[in-house]
């Protein structure tokens, strides 16, 4: 091996190449090596035990390879080691307690492996440690109190493990800590008060745990450098501290899915650098002294805001015209399930960079504002479960729409021809309205459409052969309309179809033999039509079929008894009583 020709070698960088195989054993003979960098290759196998012979090694980078096995104890003998990076491999087993012997270690990165067991208490011996990252493993147990000994730490990442117990109060000793990520674990109890005294903190992420208690009222005065705080998906309660507006550098505030109460402070608008605000899924209200959602007006001062998710809170107010004065950068506006009343302000059309507008499950009335024609970048529109009315013509210019959810409103008139020009459309749901027309021919040009729900309207006419153009479609529901004629023979060509619901119409003719070609089909609903003839034996080929309903038709002959039909239960296999 060529390494033997360089006995004086001190620095070896072989990173970001295409090397494969194993770590060559002769590397251990380079007794003067101080830096070894083999990261981002395709090296596999175990980390050799004899690497412990590199007695003066200061930096070891083995991340981004395909190493397996346990962390060898020999690595814990490097008395001069300052950086140990074994991230993004497939290492398993426990973190050895002997790792506490690496007293000069400044950076320890074990992220994205298959490590199990607990965090050893001996890790508290690494008092020079500045960066500690154990994310994305399978580590269990509690965070050891000895972590509070690591007073030089600036970065601590334990996220995406299975840690339990409380956050130790000793973590309040980490006065230099800037970034703390403990999200996606099973931590419980309250957040230790000492954490809010760590004035150097810039990012706190404790989301997706079981934390409880209230936030301190003076939080904002104790964390002046805070850039982002994410407490989403816990059991926290109480009010949102108004003092948080003192965190003048704050870019991200995420408190969703907790039990926060009281009104959203209008003072949040003082966070002029705020980019991301999510408070959905609490019990928050708007200012009870105002009929409008006054906090929306306050947020117009946040000129960098691009994400605003406030749904699933009982606001019970009117959406103010000032919504149109929100940041020109706003991309996501979510106010669903918030008991909002009144009409959609025409000023919403000013939000020309909006990608998603979600106002579903409110008490909105009136129509789609004409000014929506300005939302040329809009990809998702969700206004289902309201009391909206009028026609759909004001959506005609929105050619970027991908998702359209209009179900359960009072829209009337015809299904506009222009919808066929929305070539990006993937999911279109407009069930349970008052539409009266045939499906325009342009609709069958939407070759990338995945889900189509036109159910519970008064749509009429026949389904044309062009329905077979929807090659990507996975779900078609046109039930409870007034469609007639034969089921188009091309329907059987829809190989990706999972759900086909043609029930409660006036279709006649026979059940297509070609239905047996739709091998992905899981639900077939043809009840309450005027179908006749036999149930084709070809349906026996539908191995994934879970629900078949052909009841209330004029079918005759024998019920198929072979193949997959033997697996149906009475609830999922329904025929009309006259079948003989």
Foldseek 3Di string as FASTA:
>chain_A
DVVVVCLQDAEDAPDDDADEEADDVCVLSNQNHAEDAHAQYAYEEADDLSVLSNQNHAEYHHEHYAYEEEDHLSVLNNQNYAYDAHDHYAYEEEDDLSVLSNQNHAEDHHEAYAYEEEDHLSVLSNQNHAYDAHYNYAYEEADDLSVLSNQNYQYDHHDHYAYEEEDHLSVLNNLNHAEEAHDDYAYEEEDRPSVLQSQNYAEAHHAHYAYEEEDDLQSLVRHQNYAEYAHHHYAYEEADRLSVLSNLNYAYDHHDQYAYEEEDDLSVLSNQQHAEYAHANYAYEADPVDQERSSLLSVLSNQNHAYDAHANYQHQHEHDLCNLSHHLNHAYDHHAHHQYEEEDHLSPLSNQNYAEDHHDQYAHEEEDHLSVLSNQNHAYYHHDNYAYEEEPVSCLNNLNHAYYHHDHYAYEEADDLSVLSNLNHAYHAHEDYAYEEEDDPSVLNNQNHAEEHHDHYAYEEEDDLSVLSNQNYAEDHHAQYAYEEADHQSVLNNQNYAYDAHYHYAYEEEDHLSVLSNQNYAEYHHDHYAYEEEDHPSVLNNQNHAAYAHEHYHYEDDDDDDHPVVVYDPVRYYYYPPYD
